[in-house]
């Protein structure tokens, strides 16, 4: 089967491509990626010599480019997205353009070409803020809080509408917070690992008691392949790690692994509209497809820390350019940025 993988140079996409090509199960991959700030072909350097792998640089919002690259593919696995919440809060335009309009473009091209499967990779954030003790199954109401999660909820519903209206062979997955190798260091885990390794402050949003459900990216990749191969058209599948922890717990665990002091923690102004808790019920994945996560969180964190410590050249290369500007805006100058955001919002009222 030939897969058209969007956003394959990103964190989860590149891990999925390596996972699939390593299965020796007759898969080939066209990696279609725009190579924005978070896309990095170094993530797939080992695949360059694989005859089953091809890279095409392109924009998912460009139907002609998409059609030319997708025309010989059997199935689509759609990762490409603007995925950072803070970026979406301060500038919603790119997340709407990529996550909604880009998904619409892909659906129309894939439908026209008659692909046999369209796997849309989404997020638990579409369910919004979870009450204490609650977990979201696939029938839980969608109540997104940020422009990012709203854009993903919109694209989810658009995909499912194509199933209902056109009989299009699509499936939606919603995963909890991923961690593991090759994650761009604006994200929580690699940001904190890299800062701690450099003995820099670890910025904690608010009180740090926000809870997230953590999933190792390799477990996620196994789940995605199970859905691609055996999932039912029109279904939604939650892929969660089942390991809910507070942000503070995660940070202290990372500091312990790195043998760094707790006084590196620095509480900063919280994110506007920050969800307090996410938690997924993934029993459908187990009952219908026989999948469950296997990576213990503490062991997974140790392995992730070891990967970043062993790949300092990769870290240095991605922490340049746009990342430096991002870090200065959202962390070094966070108070001024949030003040400017509040003033702009007030002026718009």
C-alpha atoms as a PDB file:
ATOM      1  CA  UNK A   1       0.000   0.000   0.000  1.00  0.00           C
ATOM      2  CA  UNK A   2       1.280   3.441  -0.920  1.00  0.00           C
ATOM      3  CA  UNK A   3       0.623   6.067   1.764  1.00  0.00           C
ATOM      4  CA  UNK A   4       0.344   9.810   1.220  1.00  0.00           C
ATOM      5  CA  UNK A   5       1.523  11.207   4.567  1.00  0.00           C
ATOM      6  CA  UNK A   6       1.022  14.920   5.160  1.00  0.00           C
ATOM      7  CA  UNK A   7       3.293  16.671   7.656  1.00  0.00           C
ATOM      8  CA  UNK A   8       5.653  13.726   7.627  1.00  0.00           C
ATOM      9  CA  UNK A   9       8.680  15.850   8.519  1.00  0.00           C
ATOM     10  CA  UNK A  10       7.125  16.829  11.840  1.00  0.00           C
ATOM     11  CA  UNK A  11       7.301  15.064  15.185  1.00  0.00           C
ATOM     12  CA  UNK A  12       4.535  12.467  15.018  1.00  0.00           C
ATOM     13  CA  UNK A  13       4.579  12.215  11.231  1.00  0.00           C
ATOM     14  CA  UNK A  14       8.280  11.377  11.049  1.00  0.00           C
ATOM     15  CA  UNK A  15       7.967   8.816  13.833  1.00  0.00           C
ATOM     16  CA  UNK A  16       5.029   7.241  11.987  1.00  0.00           C
ATOM     17  CA  UNK A  17       6.937   7.054   8.695  1.00  0.00           C
ATOM     18  CA  UNK A  18       9.916   5.368  10.348  1.00  0.00           C
ATOM     19  CA  UNK A  19       7.526   3.002  12.155  1.00  0.00           C
ATOM     20  CA  UNK A  20       5.670   2.023   8.975  1.00  0.00           C
ATOM     21  CA  UNK A  21       8.770   1.577   6.827  1.00  0.00           C
ATOM     22  CA  UNK A  22      10.333  -0.511   9.563  1.00  0.00           C
ATOM     23  CA  UNK A  23       7.416  -2.961   9.591  1.00  0.00           C
ATOM     24  CA  UNK A  24       8.430  -4.673   6.314  1.00  0.00           C
ATOM     25  CA  UNK A  25       4.726  -4.991   5.549  1.00  0.00           C
ATOM     26  CA  UNK A  26       4.608  -3.802   1.959  1.00  0.00           C
ATOM     27  CA  UNK A  27       4.169  -0.086   2.673  1.00  0.00           C
ATOM     28  CA  UNK A  28       5.667   2.752   0.689  1.00  0.00           C
ATOM     29  CA  UNK A  29       5.382   6.417   1.642  1.00  0.00           C
ATOM     30  CA  UNK A  30       5.101   9.777  -0.085  1.00  0.00           C
ATOM     31  CA  UNK A  31       5.981  12.337   2.565  1.00  0.00           C
ATOM     32  CA  UNK A  32       4.243  15.604   1.645  1.00  0.00           C
ATOM     33  CA  UNK A  33       5.383  18.505   3.806  1.00  0.00           C
ATOM     34  CA  UNK A  34       5.628  22.286   3.457  1.00  0.00           C
ATOM     35  CA  UNK A  35       8.672  22.348   5.767  1.00  0.00           C
ATOM     36  CA  UNK A  36       7.493  25.168   7.987  1.00  0.00           C
ATOM     37  CA  UNK A  37       9.409  25.920  11.201  1.00  0.00           C
ATOM     38  CA  UNK A  38       8.546  22.567  12.846  1.00  0.00           C
ATOM     39  CA  UNK A  39       9.206  20.385   9.795  1.00  0.00           C
ATOM     40  CA  UNK A  40      12.701  18.931   9.716  1.00  0.00           C
ATOM     41  CA  UNK A  41      13.988  16.462   7.147  1.00  0.00           C
ATOM     42  CA  UNK A  42      16.799  15.526   9.526  1.00  0.00           C
ATOM     43  CA  UNK A  43      14.088  13.532  11.308  1.00  0.00           C
ATOM     44  CA  UNK A  44      13.995  11.186   8.304  1.00  0.00           C
ATOM     45  CA  UNK A  45      17.631  11.150   7.191  1.00  0.00           C
ATOM     46  CA  UNK A  46      17.745   7.371   7.611  1.00  0.00           C
ATOM     47  CA  UNK A  47      14.860   6.977   5.149  1.00  0.00           C
ATOM     48  CA  UNK A  48      16.540   8.792   2.259  1.00  0.00           C
ATOM     49  CA  UNK A  49      18.123   5.617   0.898  1.00  0.00           C
ATOM     50  CA  UNK A  50      14.920   3.588   1.243  1.00  0.00           C
ATOM     51  CA  UNK A  51      13.369   2.983  -2.222  1.00  0.00           C
ATOM     52  CA  UNK A  52       9.943   2.891  -0.539  1.00  0.00           C
ATOM     53  CA  UNK A  53      10.259   6.506   0.615  1.00  0.00           C
ATOM     54  CA  UNK A  54       9.757   9.712  -1.369  1.00  0.00           C
ATOM     55  CA  UNK A  55       9.669  13.316  -0.195  1.00  0.00           C
ATOM     56  CA  UNK A  56       7.620  16.012  -1.924  1.00  0.00           C
ATOM     57  CA  UNK A  57       7.675  19.581  -0.681  1.00  0.00           C
ATOM     58  CA  UNK A  58       4.236  21.141  -0.948  1.00  0.00           C
ATOM     59  CA  UNK A  59       1.363  22.988   0.708  1.00  0.00           C
ATOM     60  CA  UNK A  60      -1.801  21.088   1.661  1.00  0.00           C
ATOM     61  CA  UNK A  61      -3.777  24.187   0.661  1.00  0.00           C
ATOM     62  CA  UNK A  62      -2.572  23.918  -2.959  1.00  0.00           C
ATOM     63  CA  UNK A  63      -4.917  21.486  -4.768  1.00  0.00           C
ATOM     64  CA  UNK A  64      -2.764  21.153  -7.884  1.00  0.00           C
ATOM     65  CA  UNK A  65       0.363  20.284  -5.912  1.00  0.00           C
ATOM     66  CA  UNK A  66      -1.586  17.897  -3.685  1.00  0.00           C
ATOM     67  CA  UNK A  67      -3.168  16.128  -6.664  1.00  0.00           C
ATOM     68  CA  UNK A  68       0.147  15.693  -8.455  1.00  0.00           C
ATOM     69  CA  UNK A  69       1.758  14.106  -5.395  1.00  0.00           C
ATOM     70  CA  UNK A  70      -1.243  12.031  -4.294  1.00  0.00           C
ATOM     71  CA  UNK A  71      -2.301  10.590  -7.655  1.00  0.00           C
ATOM     72  CA  UNK A  72      -0.601   7.198  -7.297  1.00  0.00           C
ATOM     73  CA  UNK A  73      -1.345   6.730  -3.578  1.00  0.00           C
ATOM     74  CA  UNK A  74      -3.821   4.317  -2.025  1.00  0.00           C
ATOM     75  CA  UNK A  75      -4.427   5.996   1.327  1.00  0.00           C
ATOM     76  CA  UNK A  76      -3.895   9.323   3.109  1.00  0.00           C
ATOM     77  CA  UNK A  77      -2.589   9.755   6.656  1.00  0.00           C
ATOM     78  CA  UNK A  78      -3.110  13.401   7.525  1.00  0.00           C
ATOM     79  CA  UNK A  79      -0.822  14.837  10.232  1.00  0.00           C
ATOM     80  CA  UNK A  80      -0.085  18.286   8.785  1.00  0.00           C
ATOM     81  CA  UNK A  81      -1.295  21.002  11.161  1.00  0.00           C
ATOM     82  CA  UNK A  82      -0.374  24.162  12.960  1.00  0.00           C
ATOM     83  CA  UNK A  83      -0.411  22.653  16.431  1.00  0.00           C
ATOM     84  CA  UNK A  84       0.855  25.093  19.040  1.00  0.00           C
ATOM     85  CA  UNK A  85      -1.820  26.610  21.263  1.00  0.00           C
ATOM     86  CA  UNK A  86       0.077  29.778  22.213  1.00  0.00           C
ATOM     87  CA  UNK A  87       0.805  30.569  18.573  1.00  0.00           C
ATOM     88  CA  UNK A  88      -2.893  30.085  17.740  1.00  0.00           C
ATOM     89  CA  UNK A  89      -3.971  32.431  20.532  1.00  0.00           C
ATOM     90  CA  UNK A  90      -1.787  35.291  19.361  1.00  0.00           C
ATOM     91  CA  UNK A  91      -2.405  34.711  15.642  1.00  0.00           C
ATOM     92  CA  UNK A  92      -5.358  32.430  14.774  1.00  0.00           C
ATOM     93  CA  UNK A  93      -5.052  32.890  11.007  1.00  0.00           C
ATOM     94  CA  UNK A  94      -2.436  30.217  10.240  1.00  0.00           C
ATOM     95  CA  UNK A  95      -4.205  27.485  12.238  1.00  0.00           C
ATOM     96  CA  UNK A  96      -7.480  28.128  10.453  1.00  0.00           C
ATOM     97  CA  UNK A  97      -5.826  28.255   7.038  1.00  0.00           C
ATOM     98  CA  UNK A  98      -3.810  25.065   7.515  1.00  0.00           C
ATOM     99  CA  UNK A  99      -6.022  22.980   9.773  1.00  0.00           C
ATOM    100  CA  UNK A 100      -9.417  23.780   8.231  1.00  0.00           C
ATOM    101  CA  UNK A 101      -8.803  24.945   4.669  1.00  0.00           C
ATOM    102  CA  UNK A 102      -5.892  22.540   4.218  1.00  0.00           C
ATOM    103  CA  UNK A 103      -7.990  19.590   5.361  1.00  0.00           C
ATOM    104  CA  UNK A 104     -10.790  20.665   3.032  1.00  0.00           C
ATOM    105  CA  UNK A 105      -8.360  20.727   0.110  1.00  0.00           C
ATOM    106  CA  UNK A 106      -7.024  17.269   0.937  1.00  0.00           C
ATOM    107  CA  UNK A 107     -10.519  15.812   1.237  1.00  0.00           C
ATOM    108  CA  UNK A 108     -11.588  17.164  -2.140  1.00  0.00           C
ATOM    109  CA  UNK A 109      -8.476  15.930  -3.918  1.00  0.00           C
ATOM    110  CA  UNK A 110      -8.542  12.517  -2.216  1.00  0.00           C
ATOM    111  CA  UNK A 111     -12.228  12.063  -3.013  1.00  0.00           C
ATOM    112  CA  UNK A 112     -11.608  12.961  -6.654  1.00  0.00           C
ATOM    113  CA  UNK A 113      -8.749  10.474  -6.896  1.00  0.00           C
ATOM    114  CA  UNK A 114     -10.734   7.709  -5.195  1.00  0.00           C
ATOM    115  CA  UNK A 115      -8.335   6.900  -2.358  1.00  0.00           C
ATOM    116  CA  UNK A 116      -9.304   3.825  -0.351  1.00  0.00           C
ATOM    117  CA  UNK A 117      -8.671   5.287   3.127  1.00  0.00           C
ATOM    118  CA  UNK A 118      -8.299   8.742   4.683  1.00  0.00           C
ATOM    119  CA  UNK A 119      -6.971   8.773   8.255  1.00  0.00           C
ATOM    120  CA  UNK A 120      -7.332  12.174   9.922  1.00  0.00           C
ATOM    121  CA  UNK A 121      -5.076  12.556  12.974  1.00  0.00           C
ATOM    122  CA  UNK A 122      -6.583  14.844  15.604  1.00  0.00           C
ATOM    123  CA  UNK A 123      -6.292  15.670  19.304  1.00  0.00           C
ATOM    124  CA  UNK A 124      -7.977  15.210  22.675  1.00  0.00           C
ATOM    125  CA  UNK A 125      -8.042  19.008  22.970  1.00  0.00           C
ATOM    126  CA  UNK A 126     -11.248  19.088  20.916  1.00  0.00           C
ATOM    127  CA  UNK A 127     -13.084  17.770  24.010  1.00  0.00           C
ATOM    128  CA  UNK A 128     -12.022  20.846  25.995  1.00  0.00           C
ATOM    129  CA  UNK A 129     -11.606  21.163  29.741  1.00  0.00           C
ATOM    130  CA  UNK A 130     -12.474  17.896  31.520  1.00  0.00           C
ATOM    131  CA  UNK A 131     -14.090  17.942  34.990  1.00  0.00           C
ATOM    132  CA  UNK A 132     -12.158  16.182  37.787  1.00  0.00           C
ATOM    133  CA  UNK A 133     -12.524  12.421  37.507  1.00  0.00           C
ATOM    134  CA  UNK A 134     -14.135  12.498  34.059  1.00  0.00           C
ATOM    135  CA  UNK A 135     -12.721  10.861  30.941  1.00  0.00           C
ATOM    136  CA  UNK A 136     -13.783  11.525  27.355  1.00  0.00           C
ATOM    137  CA  UNK A 137     -14.890   8.661  25.159  1.00  0.00           C
ATOM    138  CA  UNK A 138     -15.625   9.162  21.467  1.00  0.00           C
ATOM    139  CA  UNK A 139     -19.220  10.298  22.194  1.00  0.00           C
ATOM    140  CA  UNK A 140     -18.152  13.025  24.616  1.00  0.00           C
ATOM    141  CA  UNK A 141     -19.235  16.558  23.574  1.00  0.00           C
ATOM    142  CA  UNK A 142     -16.756  18.616  21.573  1.00  0.00           C
ATOM    143  CA  UNK A 143     -16.093  21.898  23.415  1.00  0.00           C
ATOM    144  CA  UNK A 144     -12.770  23.311  22.172  1.00  0.00           C
ATOM    145  CA  UNK A 145     -11.228  26.194  24.109  1.00  0.00           C
ATOM    146  CA  UNK A 146      -8.465  27.659  21.904  1.00  0.00           C
ATOM    147  CA  UNK A 147      -8.287  28.649  18.228  1.00  0.00           C
ATOM    148  CA  UNK A 148      -6.045  25.618  17.732  1.00  0.00           C
ATOM    149  CA  UNK A 149      -8.455  23.097  19.247  1.00  0.00           C
ATOM    150  CA  UNK A 150     -11.407  24.787  17.513  1.00  0.00           C
ATOM    151  CA  UNK A 151      -9.634  24.434  14.166  1.00  0.00           C
ATOM    152  CA  UNK A 152      -9.022  20.731  14.837  1.00  0.00           C
ATOM    153  CA  UNK A 153     -12.636  20.207  15.902  1.00  0.00           C
ATOM    154  CA  UNK A 154     -13.728  21.927  12.689  1.00  0.00           C
ATOM    155  CA  UNK A 155     -11.536  19.682  10.571  1.00  0.00           C
ATOM    156  CA  UNK A 156     -12.763  16.577  12.434  1.00  0.00           C
ATOM    157  CA  UNK A 157     -16.372  17.471  11.678  1.00  0.00           C
ATOM    158  CA  UNK A 158     -15.537  18.276   8.086  1.00  0.00           C
ATOM    159  CA  UNK A 159     -13.937  14.855   7.623  1.00  0.00           C
ATOM    160  CA  UNK A 160     -16.924  13.089   9.182  1.00  0.00           C
ATOM    161  CA  UNK A 161     -19.326  15.107   7.030  1.00  0.00           C
ATOM    162  CA  UNK A 162     -17.625  13.669   3.938  1.00  0.00           C
ATOM    163  CA  UNK A 163     -18.305  10.180   5.235  1.00  0.00           C
ATOM    164  CA  UNK A 164     -21.987  10.920   5.742  1.00  0.00           C
ATOM    165  CA  UNK A 165     -22.540  12.996   2.593  1.00  0.00           C
ATOM    166  CA  UNK A 166     -20.303  11.286   0.044  1.00  0.00           C
ATOM    167  CA  UNK A 167     -19.650   7.853   1.525  1.00  0.00           C
ATOM    168  CA  UNK A 168     -15.984   8.861   1.727  1.00  0.00           C
ATOM    169  CA  UNK A 169     -13.749   6.227   3.430  1.00  0.00           C
ATOM    170  CA  UNK A 170     -12.432   8.391   6.278  1.00  0.00           C
ATOM    171  CA  UNK A 171     -11.608   7.775   9.950  1.00  0.00           C
ATOM    172  CA  UNK A 172     -10.718  10.225  12.743  1.00  0.00           C
ATOM    173  CA  UNK A 173      -8.298   9.561  15.603  1.00  0.00           C
ATOM    174  CA  UNK A 174      -7.871  11.762  18.678  1.00  0.00           C
ATOM    175  CA  UNK A 175      -4.701  11.326  20.694  1.00  0.00           C
ATOM    176  CA  UNK A 176      -3.570  12.599  24.068  1.00  0.00           C
ATOM    177  CA  UNK A 177      -0.331  14.553  24.608  1.00  0.00           C
ATOM    178  CA  UNK A 178       2.562  12.859  22.802  1.00  0.00           C
ATOM    179  CA  UNK A 179       6.194  12.806  23.871  1.00  0.00           C
ATOM    180  CA  UNK A 180       9.335  11.120  22.570  1.00  0.00           C
ATOM    181  CA  UNK A 181      12.224  11.697  20.144  1.00  0.00           C
ATOM    182  CA  UNK A 182      12.304  14.354  17.424  1.00  0.00           C
ATOM    183  CA  UNK A 183       9.697  16.631  19.029  1.00  0.00           C
ATOM    184  CA  UNK A 184      10.175  20.323  18.230  1.00  0.00           C
ATOM    185  CA  UNK A 185      11.366  22.077  21.408  1.00  0.00           C
ATOM    186  CA  UNK A 186       8.543  24.606  21.634  1.00  0.00           C
ATOM    187  CA  UNK A 187       6.477  21.750  23.047  1.00  0.00           C
ATOM    188  CA  UNK A 188       6.304  21.124  26.782  1.00  0.00           C
ATOM    189  CA  UNK A 189       8.533  18.061  27.280  1.00  0.00           C
ATOM    190  CA  UNK A 190      11.441  18.886  24.926  1.00  0.00           C
ATOM    191  CA  UNK A 191      11.365  22.557  25.948  1.00  0.00           C
ATOM    192  CA  UNK A 192      11.818  21.616  29.590  1.00  0.00           C
ATOM    193  CA  UNK A 193      14.449  18.952  28.879  1.00  0.00           C
ATOM    194  CA  UNK A 194      16.523  21.329  26.754  1.00  0.00           C
ATOM    195  CA  UNK A 195      16.233  24.163  29.258  1.00  0.00           C
ATOM    196  CA  UNK A 196      17.194  21.918  32.159  1.00  0.00           C
ATOM    197  CA  UNK A 197      20.183  20.503  30.278  1.00  0.00           C
ATOM    198  CA  UNK A 198      21.361  24.093  29.766  1.00  0.00           C
ATOM    199  CA  UNK A 199      20.599  24.966  33.397  1.00  0.00           C
ATOM    200  CA  UNK A 200      17.988  27.485  32.236  1.00  0.00           C
ATOM    201  CA  UNK A 201      14.718  28.286  33.969  1.00  0.00           C
ATOM    202  CA  UNK A 202      11.762  25.973  33.374  1.00  0.00           C
ATOM    203  CA  UNK A 203       8.684  28.205  32.792  1.00  0.00           C
ATOM    204  CA  UNK A 204       5.600  26.796  34.559  1.00  0.00           C
ATOM    205  CA  UNK A 205       2.258  28.187  33.403  1.00  0.00           C
ATOM    206  CA  UNK A 206       0.204  29.397  36.379  1.00  0.00           C
ATOM    207  CA  UNK A 207       0.222  26.997  39.324  1.00  0.00           C
ATOM    208  CA  UNK A 208       1.390  24.060  37.189  1.00  0.00           C
ATOM    209  CA  UNK A 209      -1.466  21.831  38.330  1.00  0.00           C
ATOM    210  CA  UNK A 210      -2.943  21.415  34.862  1.00  0.00           C
ATOM    211  CA  UNK A 211      -3.363  17.707  34.107  1.00  0.00           C
ATOM    212  CA  UNK A 212      -2.527  15.979  30.842  1.00  0.00           C
ATOM    213  CA  UNK A 213      -2.810  12.394  29.618  1.00  0.00           C
ATOM    214  CA  UNK A 214       0.634  11.368  28.310  1.00  0.00           C
ATOM    215  CA  UNK A 215       1.248   8.987  25.397  1.00  0.00           C
ATOM    216  CA  UNK A 216       4.602   7.875  24.008  1.00  0.00           C
ATOM    217  CA  UNK A 217       4.785   8.607  20.286  1.00  0.00           C
ATOM    218  CA  UNK A 218       5.706   4.996  19.471  1.00  0.00           C
ATOM    219  CA  UNK A 219       2.509   3.788  21.151  1.00  0.00           C
ATOM    220  CA  UNK A 220       0.623   6.388  19.147  1.00  0.00           C
ATOM    221  CA  UNK A 221       2.179   5.152  15.906  1.00  0.00           C
ATOM    222  CA  UNK A 222       1.175   1.578  16.683  1.00  0.00           C
ATOM    223  CA  UNK A 223      -2.355   2.782  17.344  1.00  0.00           C
ATOM    224  CA  UNK A 224      -2.514   4.741  14.099  1.00  0.00           C
ATOM    225  CA  UNK A 225      -1.358   1.747  12.084  1.00  0.00           C
ATOM    226  CA  UNK A 226      -3.992  -0.419  13.775  1.00  0.00           C
ATOM    227  CA  UNK A 227      -6.692   2.104  12.814  1.00  0.00           C
ATOM    228  CA  UNK A 228      -5.357   2.411   9.271  1.00  0.00           C
ATOM    229  CA  UNK A 229      -5.402  -1.355   8.783  1.00  0.00           C
ATOM    230  CA  UNK A 230      -8.492  -2.400  10.729  1.00  0.00           C
ATOM    231  CA  UNK A 231     -10.515   0.669  11.668  1.00  0.00           C
ATOM    232  CA  UNK A 232     -14.093   1.170  10.493  1.00  0.00           C
ATOM    233  CA  UNK A 233     -15.006   3.946   8.075  1.00  0.00           C
ATOM    234  CA  UNK A 234     -16.765   6.860   9.774  1.00  0.00           C
ATOM    235  CA  UNK A 235     -15.567   5.962  13.253  1.00  0.00           C
ATOM    236  CA  UNK A 236     -13.662   8.082  15.767  1.00  0.00           C
ATOM    237  CA  UNK A 237     -10.957   6.384  17.856  1.00  0.00           C
ATOM    238  CA  UNK A 238      -9.392   7.867  20.987  1.00  0.00           C
ATOM    239  CA  UNK A 239      -5.710   6.972  21.408  1.00  0.00           C
ATOM    240  CA  UNK A 240      -4.708   7.858  24.961  1.00  0.00           C
ATOM    241  CA  UNK A 241      -1.817   6.945  27.188  1.00  0.00           C
ATOM    242  CA  UNK A 242      -3.945   6.475  30.300  1.00  0.00           C
ATOM    243  CA  UNK A 243      -1.263   8.215  32.368  1.00  0.00           C
ATOM    244  CA  UNK A 244      -2.658  11.532  33.648  1.00  0.00           C
ATOM    245  CA  UNK A 245      -0.177  13.730  35.511  1.00  0.00           C
ATOM    246  CA  UNK A 246       0.082  17.379  36.504  1.00  0.00           C
ATOM    247  CA  UNK A 247       2.571  19.563  34.696  1.00  0.00           C
ATOM    248  CA  UNK A 248       4.428  20.049  37.978  1.00  0.00           C
ATOM    249  CA  UNK A 249       4.765  16.295  38.459  1.00  0.00           C
ATOM    250  CA  UNK A 250       6.189  15.964  34.967  1.00  0.00           C
ATOM    251  CA  UNK A 251       8.695  18.759  35.505  1.00  0.00           C
ATOM    252  CA  UNK A 252       9.911  17.407  38.822  1.00  0.00           C
ATOM    253  CA  UNK A 253      10.291  13.961  37.271  1.00  0.00           C
ATOM    254  CA  UNK A 254      12.388  15.424  34.448  1.00  0.00           C
ATOM    255  CA  UNK A 255      14.553  17.362  36.917  1.00  0.00           C
ATOM    256  CA  UNK A 256      15.067  14.182  38.928  1.00  0.00           C
ATOM    257  CA  UNK A 257      16.129  12.245  35.815  1.00  0.00           C
ATOM    258  CA  UNK A 258      18.536  15.037  34.843  1.00  0.00           C
ATOM    259  CA  UNK A 259      19.785  15.456  38.431  1.00  0.00           C
ATOM    260  CA  UNK A 260      18.871  19.148  38.381  1.00  0.00           C
ATOM    261  CA  UNK A 261      17.504  21.235  41.290  1.00  0.00           C
ATOM    262  CA  UNK A 262      13.839  22.125  41.714  1.00  0.00           C
ATOM    263  CA  UNK A 263      14.740  25.806  41.986  1.00  0.00           C
ATOM    264  CA  UNK A 264      14.999  25.879  38.182  1.00  0.00           C
ATOM    265  CA  UNK A 265      11.188  25.938  38.161  1.00  0.00           C
ATOM    266  CA  UNK A 266       9.784  29.403  37.503  1.00  0.00           C
ATOM    267  CA  UNK A 267       6.047  30.132  37.578  1.00  0.00           C
ATOM    268  CA  UNK A 268       4.979  32.475  34.767  1.00  0.00           C
ATOM    269  CA  UNK A 269       1.702  34.072  33.704  1.00  0.00           C
ATOM    270  CA  UNK A 270      -0.770  31.425  32.638  1.00  0.00           C
ATOM    271  CA  UNK A 271      -2.043  30.974  29.088  1.00  0.00           C
ATOM    272  CA  UNK A 272      -5.370  32.747  28.345  1.00  0.00           C
ATOM    273  CA  UNK A 273      -8.227  30.237  28.584  1.00  0.00           C
ATOM    274  CA  UNK A 274      -5.885  27.440  29.630  1.00  0.00           C
ATOM    275  CA  UNK A 275      -7.651  24.068  29.974  1.00  0.00           C
ATOM    276  CA  UNK A 276      -7.039  22.482  33.369  1.00  0.00           C
ATOM    277  CA  UNK A 277      -7.454  18.827  32.522  1.00  0.00           C
ATOM    278  CA  UNK A 278      -7.516  16.341  29.645  1.00  0.00           C
ATOM    279  CA  UNK A 279      -8.202  12.615  29.992  1.00  0.00           C
ATOM    280  CA  UNK A 280      -9.171  10.029  27.360  1.00  0.00           C
ATOM    281  CA  UNK A 281     -11.089   6.776  27.459  1.00  0.00           C
ATOM    282  CA  UNK A 282      -9.336   4.545  24.895  1.00  0.00           C
ATOM    283  CA  UNK A 283     -11.260   1.352  25.602  1.00  0.00           C
ATOM    284  CA  UNK A 284     -12.679   1.329  22.061  1.00  0.00           C
ATOM    285  CA  UNK A 285      -9.139   0.915  20.710  1.00  0.00           C
ATOM    286  CA  UNK A 286      -8.609  -2.087  22.978  1.00  0.00           C
ATOM    287  CA  UNK A 287     -12.002  -3.694  22.444  1.00  0.00           C
ATOM    288  CA  UNK A 288     -12.250  -3.178  18.680  1.00  0.00           C
ATOM    289  CA  UNK A 289      -8.638  -3.216  17.515  1.00  0.00           C
ATOM    290  CA  UNK A 290      -6.675  -4.893  20.300  1.00  0.00           C
ATOM    291  CA  UNK A 291      -4.447  -1.858  20.899  1.00  0.00           C
ATOM    292  CA  UNK A 292      -3.263  -0.491  24.216  1.00  0.00           C
ATOM    293  CA  UNK A 293      -0.266   1.624  25.264  1.00  0.00           C
ATOM    294  CA  UNK A 294       2.727  -0.321  26.534  1.00  0.00           C
ATOM    295  CA  UNK A 295       5.269   2.370  27.482  1.00  0.00           C
ATOM    296  CA  UNK A 296       5.541   3.135  31.197  1.00  0.00           C
ATOM    297  CA  UNK A 297       5.626   6.921  31.633  1.00  0.00           C
ATOM    298  CA  UNK A 298       8.666   7.065  33.926  1.00  0.00           C
ATOM    299  CA  UNK A 299      10.669   4.775  31.634  1.00  0.00           C
ATOM    300  CA  UNK A 300       9.490   6.654  28.556  1.00  0.00           C
ATOM    301  CA  UNK A 301      10.611   9.944  30.071  1.00  0.00           C
ATOM    302  CA  UNK A 302      14.039   8.515  30.899  1.00  0.00           C
ATOM    303  CA  UNK A 303      14.436   7.291  27.318  1.00  0.00           C
ATOM    304  CA  UNK A 304      13.284  10.647  25.953  1.00  0.00           C
ATOM    305  CA  UNK A 305      15.734  12.577  28.126  1.00  0.00           C
ATOM    306  CA  UNK A 306      18.505  10.234  26.969  1.00  0.00           C
ATOM    307  CA  UNK A 307      17.577  10.841  23.313  1.00  0.00           C
ATOM    308  CA  UNK A 308      17.791  14.635  23.652  1.00  0.00           C
ATOM    309  CA  UNK A 309      21.034  14.396  25.623  1.00  0.00           C
ATOM    310  CA  UNK A 310      22.490  12.157  22.896  1.00  0.00           C
ATOM    311  CA  UNK A 311      21.332  14.338  19.987  1.00  0.00           C
ATOM    312  CA  UNK A 312      22.629  17.779  20.907  1.00  0.00           C
ATOM    313  CA  UNK A 313      23.481  18.650  17.292  1.00  0.00           C
ATOM    314  CA  UNK A 314      19.849  18.056  16.275  1.00  0.00           C
ATOM    315  CA  UNK A 315      18.663  20.161  19.220  1.00  0.00           C
ATOM    316  CA  UNK A 316      21.062  22.999  18.360  1.00  0.00           C
ATOM    317  CA  UNK A 317      19.957  23.036  14.722  1.00  0.00           C
ATOM    318  CA  UNK A 318      16.234  23.305  15.502  1.00  0.00           C
ATOM    319  CA  UNK A 319      16.672  25.837  18.307  1.00  0.00           C
ATOM    320  CA  UNK A 320      17.863  28.486  15.881  1.00  0.00           C
ATOM    321  CA  UNK A 321      16.001  30.882  13.590  1.00  0.00           C
ATOM    322  CA  UNK A 322      12.250  30.962  14.139  1.00  0.00           C
ATOM    323  CA  UNK A 323      12.544  29.093  17.435  1.00  0.00           C
ATOM    324  CA  UNK A 324      14.661  31.850  18.978  1.00  0.00           C
ATOM    325  CA  UNK A 325      12.083  34.469  18.018  1.00  0.00           C
ATOM    326  CA  UNK A 326       9.300  32.277  19.395  1.00  0.00           C
ATOM    327  CA  UNK A 327      11.076  31.658  22.696  1.00  0.00           C
ATOM    328  CA  UNK A 328      11.799  35.335  23.242  1.00  0.00           C
ATOM    329  CA  UNK A 329       8.185  36.273  22.470  1.00  0.00           C
ATOM    330  CA  UNK A 330       6.361  33.680  24.544  1.00  0.00           C
ATOM    331  CA  UNK A 331       8.786  33.068  27.411  1.00  0.00           C
ATOM    332  CA  UNK A 332      11.540  35.683  27.846  1.00  0.00           C
ATOM    333  CA  UNK A 333       9.144  38.568  27.154  1.00  0.00           C
ATOM    334  CA  UNK A 334       5.981  36.727  28.167  1.00  0.00           C
ATOM    335  CA  UNK A 335       4.546  39.454  30.433  1.00  0.00           C
ATOM    336  CA  UNK A 336       4.876  42.124  27.742  1.00  0.00           C
ATOM    337  CA  UNK A 337       3.448  39.784  25.093  1.00  0.00           C
ATOM    338  CA  UNK A 338       0.385  38.979  27.203  1.00  0.00           C
ATOM    339  CA  UNK A 339      -0.082  42.658  28.043  1.00  0.00           C
ATOM    340  CA  UNK A 340      -0.023  43.509  24.340  1.00  0.00           C
ATOM    341  CA  UNK A 341      -2.470  40.684  23.655  1.00  0.00           C
ATOM    342  CA  UNK A 342      -4.874  42.013  26.337  1.00  0.00           C
ATOM    343  CA  UNK A 343      -4.646  45.546  24.972  1.00  0.00           C
ATOM    344  CA  UNK A 344      -5.348  44.359  21.449  1.00  0.00           C
ATOM    345  CA  UNK A 345      -8.336  42.324  22.634  1.00  0.00           C
ATOM    346  CA  UNK A 346      -9.706  45.314  24.545  1.00  0.00           C
ATOM    347  CA  UNK A 347      -9.317  47.553  21.507  1.00  0.00           C
ATOM    348  CA  UNK A 348     -11.268  45.043  19.398  1.00  0.00           C
ATOM    349  CA  UNK A 349     -14.254  45.084  21.788  1.00  0.00           C
END
